[in-house]
Structures are given as C-alpha cells and as structure tokens.
PDB file of N, CA and C in Angstrom:
ATOM      1  N   MET A   1     103.944  65.352  98.855  1.00  0.00           N
ATOM      2  CA  MET A   1     104.601  66.287  99.297  1.00  0.00           C
ATOM      3  C   MET A   1     104.316  67.040 100.331  1.00  0.00           C
ATOM      4  N   VAL A   2     105.370  67.469 101.110  1.00  0.00           N
ATOM      5  CA  VAL A   2     104.777  68.311 102.470  1.00  0.00           C
ATOM      6  C   VAL A   2     105.142  69.900 102.248  1.00  0.00           C
ATOM      7  N   GLU A   3     103.808  70.441 102.261  1.00  0.00           N
ATOM      8  CA  GLU A   3     103.989  72.044 102.171  1.00  0.00           C
ATOM      9  C   GLU A   3     104.666  72.749 103.411  1.00  0.00           C
ATOM     10  N   THR A   4     105.376  73.713 103.443  1.00  0.00           N
ATOM     11  CA  THR A   4     105.954  74.292 104.374  1.00  0.00           C
ATOM     12  C   THR A   4     105.147  75.489 104.694  1.00  0.00           C
ATOM     13  N   HIS A   5     104.911  76.031 105.977  1.00  0.00           N
ATOM     14  CA  HIS A   5     104.407  77.052 106.184  1.00  0.00           C
ATOM     15  C   HIS A   5     104.029  78.069 105.414  1.00  0.00           C
ATOM     16  N   ASP A   6     105.306  78.562 105.317  1.00  0.00           N
ATOM     17  CA  ASP A   6     105.272  79.729 104.450  1.00  0.00           C
ATOM     18  C   ASP A   6     104.832  79.157 102.950  1.00  0.00           C
ATOM     19  N   GLY A   7     104.853  78.306 102.020  1.00  0.00           N
ATOM     20  CA  GLY A   7     104.248  77.803 101.479  1.00  0.00           C
ATOM     21  C   GLY A   7     102.952  77.432 101.047  1.00  0.00           C
ATOM     22  N   THR A   8     102.107  77.327 102.317  1.00  0.00           N
ATOM     23  CA  THR A   8     100.557  77.473 102.465  1.00  0.00           C
ATOM     24  C   THR A   8     100.253  78.722 102.374  1.00  0.00           C
ATOM     25  N   LEU A   9     101.034  79.561 103.351  1.00  0.00           N
ATOM     26  CA  LEU A   9     100.644  81.070 103.129  1.00  0.00           C
ATOM     27  C   LEU A   9     100.760  81.622 101.940  1.00  0.00           C
ATOM     28  N   GLN A  10     101.854  81.310 101.246  1.00  0.00           N
ATOM     29  CA  GLN A  10     101.672  81.467  99.546  1.00  0.00           C
ATOM     30  C   GLN A  10     100.569  81.015  98.774  1.00  0.00           C
ATOM     31  N   SER A  11     100.554  79.973  99.306  1.00  0.00           N
ATOM     32  CA  SER A  11      98.973  79.446  98.322  1.00  0.00           C
ATOM     33  C   SER A  11      97.886  80.057  98.942  1.00  0.00           C
ATOM     34  N   ASP A  12      97.690  80.169 100.135  1.00  0.00           N
ATOM     35  CA  ASP A  12      96.154  80.940 100.765  1.00  0.00           C
ATOM     36  C   ASP A  12      96.283  82.648  99.642  1.00  0.00           C
ATOM     37  N   ALA A  13      97.552  83.044 100.074  1.00  0.00           N
ATOM     38  CA  ALA A  13      97.439  84.217  99.429  1.00  0.00           C
ATOM     39  C   ALA A  13      97.280  84.386  97.940  1.00  0.00           C
ATOM     40  N   ARG A  14      97.803  83.402  97.430  1.00  0.00           N
ATOM     41  CA  ARG A  14      97.613  83.281  95.764  1.00  0.00           C
ATOM     42  C   ARG A  14      95.903  83.258  95.401  1.00  0.00           C
ATOM     43  N   ALA A  15      95.447  82.183  96.265  1.00  0.00           N
ATOM     44  CA  ALA A  15      94.293  82.043  96.072  1.00  0.00           C
ATOM     45  C   ALA A  15      93.160  83.081  96.308  1.00  0.00           C
ATOM     46  N   ALA A  16      93.438  83.904  97.446  1.00  0.00           N
ATOM     47  CA  ALA A  16      92.673  85.127  97.856  1.00  0.00           C
ATOM     48  C   ALA A  16      93.073  86.102  96.704  1.00  0.00           C
ATOM     49  N   ILE A  17      94.018  86.243  96.161  1.00  0.00           N
ATOM     50  CA  ILE A  17      94.143  87.541  95.194  1.00  0.00           C
ATOM     51  C   ILE A  17      93.497  86.957  93.835  1.00  0.00           C
ATOM     52  N   ARG A  18      93.762  85.566  93.322  1.00  0.00           N
ATOM     53  CA  ARG A  18      92.674  85.332  92.197  1.00  0.00           C
ATOM     54  C   ARG A  18      91.263  85.686  92.548  1.00  0.00           C
ATOM     55  N   ALA A  19      91.077  84.814  93.702  1.00  0.00           N
ATOM     56  CA  ALA A  19      89.590  85.284  93.979  1.00  0.00           C
ATOM     57  C   ALA A  19      88.911  86.584  93.843  1.00  0.00           C
ATOM     58  N   PHE A  20      89.939  87.639  94.350  1.00  0.00           N
ATOM     59  CA  PHE A  20      89.661  88.920  94.425  1.00  0.00           C
ATOM     60  C   PHE A  20      89.892  89.446  92.818  1.00  0.00           C
ATOM     61  N   ILE A  21      90.326  89.090  92.280  1.00  0.00           N
ATOM     62  CA  ILE A  21      90.415  89.794  90.943  1.00  0.00           C
ATOM     63  C   ILE A  21      89.157  89.137  90.187  1.00  0.00           C
ATOM     64  N   LEU A  22      89.000  87.688  90.158  1.00  0.00           N
ATOM     65  CA  LEU A  22      88.055  87.278  89.543  1.00  0.00           C
ATOM     66  C   LEU A  22      86.569  87.815  89.898  1.00  0.00           C
ATOM     67  N   GLY A  23      86.251  88.235  91.141  1.00  0.00           N
ATOM     68  CA  GLY A  23      85.454  88.994  91.737  1.00  0.00           C
ATOM     69  C   GLY A  23      85.061  90.251  91.259  1.00  0.00           C
ATOM     70  N   ARG A  24      85.986  90.947  90.665  1.00  0.00           N
ATOM     71  CA  ARG A  24      86.260  92.215  90.387  1.00  0.00           C
ATOM     72  C   ARG A  24      85.885  92.503  88.843  1.00  0.00           C
ATOM     73  N   ASN A  25      85.942  90.954  88.185  1.00  0.00           N
ATOM     74  CA  ASN A  25      86.049  90.746  86.720  1.00  0.00           C
ATOM     75  C   ASN A  25      85.382  89.694  86.225  1.00  0.00           C
ATOM     76  N   LEU A  26      83.717  89.970  86.571  1.00  0.00           N
ATOM     77  CA  LEU A  26      82.927  88.722  86.578  1.00  0.00           C
ATOM     78  C   LEU A  26      83.096  88.238  85.197  1.00  0.00           C
ATOM     79  N   GLY A  27      83.369  88.907  83.993  1.00  0.00           N
ATOM     80  CA  GLY A  27      83.364  88.451  82.630  1.00  0.00           C
ATOM     81  C   GLY A  27      84.521  87.553  82.245  1.00  0.00           C
ATOM     82  N   LEU A  28      85.835  87.579  83.211  1.00  0.00           N
ATOM     83  CA  LEU A  28      87.060  87.203  83.104  1.00  0.00           C
ATOM     84  C   LEU A  28      86.696  85.329  83.553  1.00  0.00           C
ATOM     85  N   ALA A  29      87.256  85.227  82.449  1.00  0.00           N
ATOM     86  CA  ALA A  29      87.481  83.240  82.215  1.00  0.00           C
ATOM     87  C   ALA A  29      88.470  83.121  83.522  1.00  0.00           C
ATOM     88  N   PRO A  30      87.827  82.036  84.260  1.00  0.00           N
ATOM     89  CA  PRO A  30      88.757  81.739  85.696  1.00  0.00           C
ATOM     90  C   PRO A  30      90.097  81.197  85.005  1.00  0.00           C
ATOM     91  N   ASP A  31      90.429  80.281  84.008  1.00  0.00           N
ATOM     92  CA  ASP A  31      91.169  79.830  83.920  1.00  0.00           C
ATOM     93  C   ASP A  31      92.031  80.510  83.406  1.00  0.00           C
ATOM     94  N   SER A  32      91.814  81.853  83.029  1.00  0.00           N
ATOM     95  CA  SER A  32      92.710  83.029  82.703  1.00  0.00           C
ATOM     96  C   SER A  32      93.603  83.456  83.399  1.00  0.00           C
ATOM     97  N   VAL A  33      93.277  83.491  84.950  1.00  0.00           N
ATOM     98  CA  VAL A  33      94.048  84.206  86.048  1.00  0.00           C
ATOM     99  C   VAL A  33      94.716  82.869  86.746  1.00  0.00           C
ATOM    100  N   THR A  34      95.949  83.265  86.084  1.00  0.00           N
ATOM    101  CA  THR A  34      97.244  82.125  86.639  1.00  0.00           C
ATOM    102  C   THR A  34      98.305  82.899  88.013  1.00  0.00           C
ATOM    103  N   GLY A  35      98.933  81.995  88.181  1.00  0.00           N
ATOM    104  CA  GLY A  35     100.036  82.751  89.166  1.00  0.00           C
ATOM    105  C   GLY A  35     100.981  83.642  88.458  1.00  0.00           C
ATOM    106  N   GLN A  36     101.006  83.460  87.109  1.00  0.00           N
ATOM    107  CA  GLN A  36     101.949  84.395  86.155  1.00  0.00           C
ATOM    108  C   GLN A  36     101.293  85.482  85.648  1.00  0.00           C
ATOM    109  N   THR A  37      99.750  85.744  86.022  1.00  0.00           N
ATOM    110  CA  THR A  37      98.982  87.079  85.400  1.00  0.00           C
ATOM    111  C   THR A  37      99.479  88.315  86.228  1.00  0.00           C
ATOM    112  N   SER A  38     100.078  89.318  85.222  1.00  0.00           N
ATOM    113  CA  SER A  38     100.612  90.417  85.732  1.00  0.00           C
ATOM    114  C   SER A  38      99.416  91.424  86.234  1.00  0.00           C
ATOM    115  N   LEU A  39      99.748  91.782  87.369  1.00  0.00           N
ATOM    116  CA  LEU A  39      98.626  92.805  88.065  1.00  0.00           C
ATOM    117  C   LEU A  39      98.885  94.449  87.336  1.00  0.00           C
ATOM    118  N   VAL A  40     100.496  94.362  86.462  1.00  0.00           N
ATOM    119  CA  VAL A  40     100.806  95.742  86.078  1.00  0.00           C
ATOM    120  C   VAL A  40     100.109  95.846  84.811  1.00  0.00           C
ATOM    121  N   THR A  41     100.283  94.750  83.972  1.00  0.00           N
ATOM    122  CA  THR A  41      99.936  94.812  82.525  1.00  0.00           C
ATOM    123  C   THR A  41      98.368  94.161  82.071  1.00  0.00           C
ATOM    124  N   SER A  42      97.605  93.584  82.896  1.00  0.00           N
ATOM    125  CA  SER A  42      96.756  92.876  82.589  1.00  0.00           C
ATOM    126  C   SER A  42      95.394  93.382  82.569  1.00  0.00           C
ATOM    127  N   ASP A  43      95.408  94.654  83.354  1.00  0.00           N
ATOM    128  CA  ASP A  43      94.050  95.196  83.737  1.00  0.00           C
ATOM    129  C   ASP A  43      92.975  94.630  84.242  1.00  0.00           C
ATOM    130  N   ALA A  44      93.490  93.710  85.001  1.00  0.00           N
ATOM    131  CA  ALA A  44      92.958  92.922  86.214  1.00  0.00           C
ATOM    132  C   ALA A  44      92.373  93.804  86.929  1.00  0.00           C
ATOM    133  N   LEU A  45      93.184  94.803  87.466  1.00  0.00           N
ATOM    134  CA  LEU A  45      92.905  95.552  88.358  1.00  0.00           C
ATOM    135  C   LEU A  45      93.241  97.398  88.199  1.00  0.00           C
ATOM    136  N   ASP A  46      92.366  98.336  88.471  1.00  0.00           N
ATOM    137  CA  ASP A  46      92.512  99.292  88.330  1.00  0.00           C
ATOM    138  C   ASP A  46      93.428 100.133  89.594  1.00  0.00           C
ATOM    139  N   SER A  47      93.368 101.230  89.667  1.00  0.00           N
ATOM    140  CA  SER A  47      94.411 101.879  90.901  1.00  0.00           C
ATOM    141  C   SER A  47      93.603 101.521  92.158  1.00  0.00           C
ATOM    142  N   ILE A  48      92.432 101.728  92.071  1.00  0.00           N
ATOM    143  CA  ILE A  48      91.388 101.583  93.428  1.00  0.00           C
ATOM    144  C   ILE A  48      91.155 100.250  93.747  1.00  0.00           C
ATOM    145  N   GLY A  49      91.232  99.084  92.594  1.00  0.00           N
ATOM    146  CA  GLY A  49      91.524  97.745  92.649  1.00  0.00           C
ATOM    147  C   GLY A  49      92.594  97.265  93.613  1.00  0.00           C
ATOM    148  N   VAL A  50      94.079  98.017  93.262  1.00  0.00           N
ATOM    149  CA  VAL A  50      95.139  97.547  93.917  1.00  0.00           C
ATOM    150  C   VAL A  50      94.595  97.885  95.135  1.00  0.00           C
ATOM    151  N   LEU A  51      94.693  98.914  95.746  1.00  0.00           N
ATOM    152  CA  LEU A  51      94.078  99.769  97.081  1.00  0.00           C
ATOM    153  C   LEU A  51      93.395  98.780  97.869  1.00  0.00           C
ATOM    154  N   ASP A  52      92.312  98.333  97.187  1.00  0.00           N
ATOM    155  CA  ASP A  52      91.229  97.510  97.965  1.00  0.00           C
ATOM    156  C   ASP A  52      92.021  96.136  98.058  1.00  0.00           C
ATOM    157  N   LEU A  53      92.692  95.597  97.076  1.00  0.00           N
ATOM    158  CA  LEU A  53      93.006  94.138  97.158  1.00  0.00           C
ATOM    159  C   LEU A  53      94.305  94.512  98.397  1.00  0.00           C
ATOM    160  N   MET A  54      95.125  95.164  98.492  1.00  0.00           N
ATOM    161  CA  MET A  54      96.175  95.617  99.377  1.00  0.00           C
ATOM    162  C   MET A  54      95.103  95.203 101.050  1.00  0.00           C
ATOM    163  N   MET A  55      94.313  96.239 100.848  1.00  0.00           N
ATOM    164  CA  MET A  55      93.674  96.351 102.323  1.00  0.00           C
ATOM    165  C   MET A  55      93.129  94.894 102.643  1.00  0.00           C
ATOM    166  N   GLU A  56      92.766  94.251 101.356  1.00  0.00           N
ATOM    167  CA  GLU A  56      91.878  93.115 101.839  1.00  0.00           C
ATOM    168  C   GLU A  56      92.708  91.761 102.603  1.00  0.00           C
ATOM    169  N   LEU A  57      93.896  91.977 101.639  1.00  0.00           N
ATOM    170  CA  LEU A  57      95.212  91.011 102.115  1.00  0.00           C
ATOM    171  C   LEU A  57      95.714  91.233 103.424  1.00  0.00           C
ATOM    172  N   GLY A  58      95.906  92.659 103.833  1.00  0.00           N
ATOM    173  CA  GLY A  58      96.472  93.216 104.809  1.00  0.00           C
ATOM    174  C   GLY A  58      95.730  92.485 106.203  1.00  0.00           C
ATOM    175  N   ASP A  59      94.037  92.936 105.926  1.00  0.00           N
ATOM    176  CA  ASP A  59      93.320  92.389 107.000  1.00  0.00           C
ATOM    177  C   ASP A  59      93.282  90.950 107.194  1.00  0.00           C
ATOM    178  N   ARG A  60      93.263  90.165 105.727  1.00  0.00           N
ATOM    179  CA  ARG A  60      93.117  88.555 105.851  1.00  0.00           C
ATOM    180  C   ARG A  60      94.115  88.055 106.490  1.00  0.00           C
ATOM    181  N   PHE A  61      95.514  88.421 106.283  1.00  0.00           N
ATOM    182  CA  PHE A  61      96.588  87.832 106.727  1.00  0.00           C
ATOM    183  C   PHE A  61      97.330  88.398 107.780  1.00  0.00           C
ATOM    184  N   GLY A  62      96.763  89.605 108.178  1.00  0.00           N
ATOM    185  CA  GLY A  62      97.235  89.984 109.554  1.00  0.00           C
ATOM    186  C   GLY A  62      98.517  90.838 109.396  1.00  0.00           C
ATOM    187  N   PHE A  63      98.864  91.876 108.394  1.00  0.00           N
ATOM    188  CA  PHE A  63      99.910  92.852 108.365  1.00  0.00           C
ATOM    189  C   PHE A  63      99.856  94.097 107.975  1.00  0.00           C
ATOM    190  N   GLU A  64     100.516  95.014 108.527  1.00  0.00           N
ATOM    191  CA  GLU A  64     100.228  96.217 108.087  1.00  0.00           C
ATOM    192  C   GLU A  64     100.922  96.773 106.599  1.00  0.00           C
ATOM    193  N   ILE A  65      99.845  97.531 106.071  1.00  0.00           N
ATOM    194  CA  ILE A  65     100.402  97.892 104.875  1.00  0.00           C
ATOM    195  C   ILE A  65     101.185  99.162 104.951  1.00  0.00           C
ATOM    196  N   GLU A  66     102.767  99.019 104.378  1.00  0.00           N
ATOM    197  CA  GLU A  66     103.539 100.030 104.413  1.00  0.00           C
ATOM    198  C   GLU A  66     103.805 100.299 103.047  1.00  0.00           C
ATOM    199  N   GLU A  67     104.500 101.629 103.087  1.00  0.00           N
ATOM    200  CA  GLU A  67     105.057 102.088 101.838  1.00  0.00           C
ATOM    201  C   GLU A  67     105.741 101.018 100.716  1.00  0.00           C
ATOM    202  N   ASP A  68     106.349 100.206 101.381  1.00  0.00           N
ATOM    203  CA  ASP A  68     107.061  98.700 100.381  1.00  0.00           C
ATOM    204  C   ASP A  68     106.030  98.168  99.871  1.00  0.00           C
ATOM    205  N   ALA A  69     104.787  98.263 100.652  1.00  0.00           N
ATOM    206  CA  ALA A  69     103.885  97.309  99.777  1.00  0.00           C
ATOM    207  C   ALA A  69     103.533  97.230  98.378  1.00  0.00           C
ATOM    208  N   PHE A  70     103.686  98.722  97.965  1.00  0.00           N
ATOM    209  CA  PHE A  70     103.245  98.857  96.774  1.00  0.00           C
ATOM    210  C   PHE A  70     104.377  99.281  95.790  1.00  0.00           C
ATOM    211  N   ALA A  71     105.344  98.698  95.987  1.00  0.00           N
ATOM    212  CA  ALA A  71     106.583  98.407  95.034  1.00  0.00           C
ATOM    213  C   ALA A  71     106.287  97.933  93.681  1.00  0.00           C
ATOM    214  N   LEU A  72     106.583  98.293  92.518  1.00  0.00           N
ATOM    215  CA  LEU A  72     105.905  97.570  91.460  1.00  0.00           C
ATOM    216  C   LEU A  72     106.290  96.462  91.257  1.00  0.00           C
ATOM    217  N   ALA A  73     107.454  95.841  91.877  1.00  0.00           N
ATOM    218  CA  ALA A  73     108.162  94.253  91.677  1.00  0.00           C
ATOM    219  C   ALA A  73     106.984  93.103  92.286  1.00  0.00           C
ATOM    220  N   HIS A  74     106.268  93.716  93.478  1.00  0.00           N
ATOM    221  CA  HIS A  74     105.292  93.134  93.982  1.00  0.00           C
ATOM    222  C   HIS A  74     103.853  92.840  92.833  1.00  0.00           C
ATOM    223  N   PHE A  75     103.523  93.558  91.872  1.00  0.00           N
ATOM    224  CA  PHE A  75     102.885  93.336  91.288  1.00  0.00           C
ATOM    225  C   PHE A  75     103.158  92.770  89.969  1.00  0.00           C
ATOM    226  N   GLU A  76     104.371  92.321  89.669  1.00  0.00           N
ATOM    227  CA  GLU A  76     104.470  91.556  88.458  1.00  0.00           C
ATOM    228  C   GLU A  76     103.572  90.452  88.180  1.00  0.00           C
ATOM    229  N   SER A  77     103.337  89.725  89.031  1.00  0.00           N
ATOM    230  CA  SER A  77     102.513  88.474  88.764  1.00  0.00           C
ATOM    231  C   SER A  77     101.778  88.049  90.196  1.00  0.00           C
ATOM    232  N   ILE A  78     100.946  87.296  89.982  1.00  0.00           N
ATOM    233  CA  ILE A  78      99.939  87.228  91.334  1.00  0.00           C
ATOM    234  C   ILE A  78     100.914  86.179  91.882  1.00  0.00           C
ATOM    235  N   ASP A  79     101.710  85.550  91.648  1.00  0.00           N
ATOM    236  CA  ASP A  79     102.938  84.887  92.445  1.00  0.00           C
ATOM    237  C   ASP A  79     103.695  85.649  93.040  1.00  0.00           C
ATOM    238  N   ALA A  80     104.123  86.701  92.566  1.00  0.00           N
ATOM    239  CA  ALA A  80     105.116  87.492  93.339  1.00  0.00           C
ATOM    240  C   ALA A  80     104.557  88.420  94.366  1.00  0.00           C
ATOM    241  N   LEU A  81     103.098  88.836  93.999  1.00  0.00           N
ATOM    242  CA  LEU A  81     102.582  89.301  95.163  1.00  0.00           C
ATOM    243  C   LEU A  81     101.923  88.551  96.385  1.00  0.00           C
ATOM    244  N   ALA A  82     101.776  86.917  95.946  1.00  0.00           N
ATOM    245  CA  ALA A  82     101.542  86.316  97.127  1.00  0.00           C
ATOM    246  C   ALA A  82     102.829  86.005  97.902  1.00  0.00           C
ATOM    247  N   ALA A  83     103.841  85.939  97.375  1.00  0.00           N
ATOM    248  CA  ALA A  83     105.124  85.651  97.877  1.00  0.00           C
ATOM    249  C   ALA A  83     105.617  87.025  98.879  1.00  0.00           C
ATOM    250  N   TYR A  84     105.171  88.079  98.349  1.00  0.00           N
ATOM    251  CA  TYR A  84     105.115  89.096  99.393  1.00  0.00           C
ATOM    252  C   TYR A  84     104.427  89.118 100.435  1.00  0.00           C
ATOM    253  N   VAL A  85     103.144  88.889 100.391  1.00  0.00           N
ATOM    254  CA  VAL A  85     102.279  88.458 101.219  1.00  0.00           C
ATOM    255  C   VAL A  85     102.841  87.724 102.477  1.00  0.00           C
ATOM    256  N   ALA A  86     103.139  86.451 101.662  1.00  0.00           N
ATOM    257  CA  ALA A  86     103.932  85.511 102.833  1.00  0.00           C
ATOM    258  C   ALA A  86     104.997  85.954 103.740  1.00  0.00           C
ATOM    259  N   SER A  87     105.600  86.633 102.927  1.00  0.00           N
ATOM    260  CA  SER A  87     107.027  87.255 103.622  1.00  0.00           C
ATOM    261  C   SER A  87     106.416  88.312 104.737  1.00  0.00           C
ATOM    262  N   ARG A  88     105.381  89.116 104.366  1.00  0.00           N
ATOM    263  CA  ARG A  88     104.953  90.062 105.519  1.00  0.00           C
ATOM    264  C   ARG A  88     104.464  89.433 106.770  1.00  0.00           C
ATOM    265  N   ARG A  89     103.694  88.272 106.160  1.00  0.00           N
ATOM    266  CA  ARG A  89     102.841  87.710 107.650  1.00  0.00           C
ATOM    267  C   ARG A  89     104.030  86.792 108.562  1.00  0.00           C
ATOM    268  N   HIS A  90     104.970  86.412 107.565  1.00  0.00           N
ATOM    269  CA  HIS A  90     106.034  85.891 108.537  1.00  0.00           C
ATOM    270  C   HIS A  90     106.487  86.745 109.386  1.00  0.00           C
ATOM    271  N   GLN A  91     106.946  88.044 108.993  1.00  0.00           N
ATOM    272  CA  GLN A  91     107.771  89.038 109.768  1.00  0.00           C
ATOM    273  C   GLN A  91     106.589  89.532 111.158  1.00  0.00           C
ATOM    274  N   ALA A  92     105.061  89.571 110.660  1.00  0.00           N
ATOM    275  CA  ALA A  92     104.408  90.188 111.745  1.00  0.00           C
ATOM    276  C   ALA A  92     104.380  89.041 113.010  1.00  0.00           C
TER     277      ALA A  92
END
C-alpha cells in the first residue's frame, strides 16, 4: 500500500507522541500506548507534559504552537493529536 505524504506525517507524529509518552512514563508497558490512548483521561501526561509535548512536536514538525493547538478535541487520542500535527505541518 502506498502511503500519502499526509499519512506519513501522521504516522511520524503518532510515533513521536507515543515515544514522548513512554519516555515520560518509564513504568508504562509499551503495548498499552496505542493510537486510541486518550491524552485527556489516561494520565499519560500532566499539564506540563502537554506543554512539553506540544513544544517538541512544533519544533520537530515545524509549525507554530497557536491557541487552537490546545483544543480538547486534539487530545482525545494519540491518533487525533497526530492528525492535528499533520494538518498543521501541511499548512506550514
């Protein structure tokens, strides 16, 4: 299957988010962090962790962190945040 550029960006963003969460939660089993893991209800990140994650994603994927970046809908899952990152990168 051929993956589109946006699909590749989203996949890269998903991997970066997952690695960030696992790096912050060393006792967390890697297979417990999936694309459906909520960043709102899972306790995977605290408020400082969310800020750090967004700064890292902005730096890594080359987009400005704007007010809409912190909309609750973007943090419903790793997949949702990865889709947001891919859309922001595509706009940049």
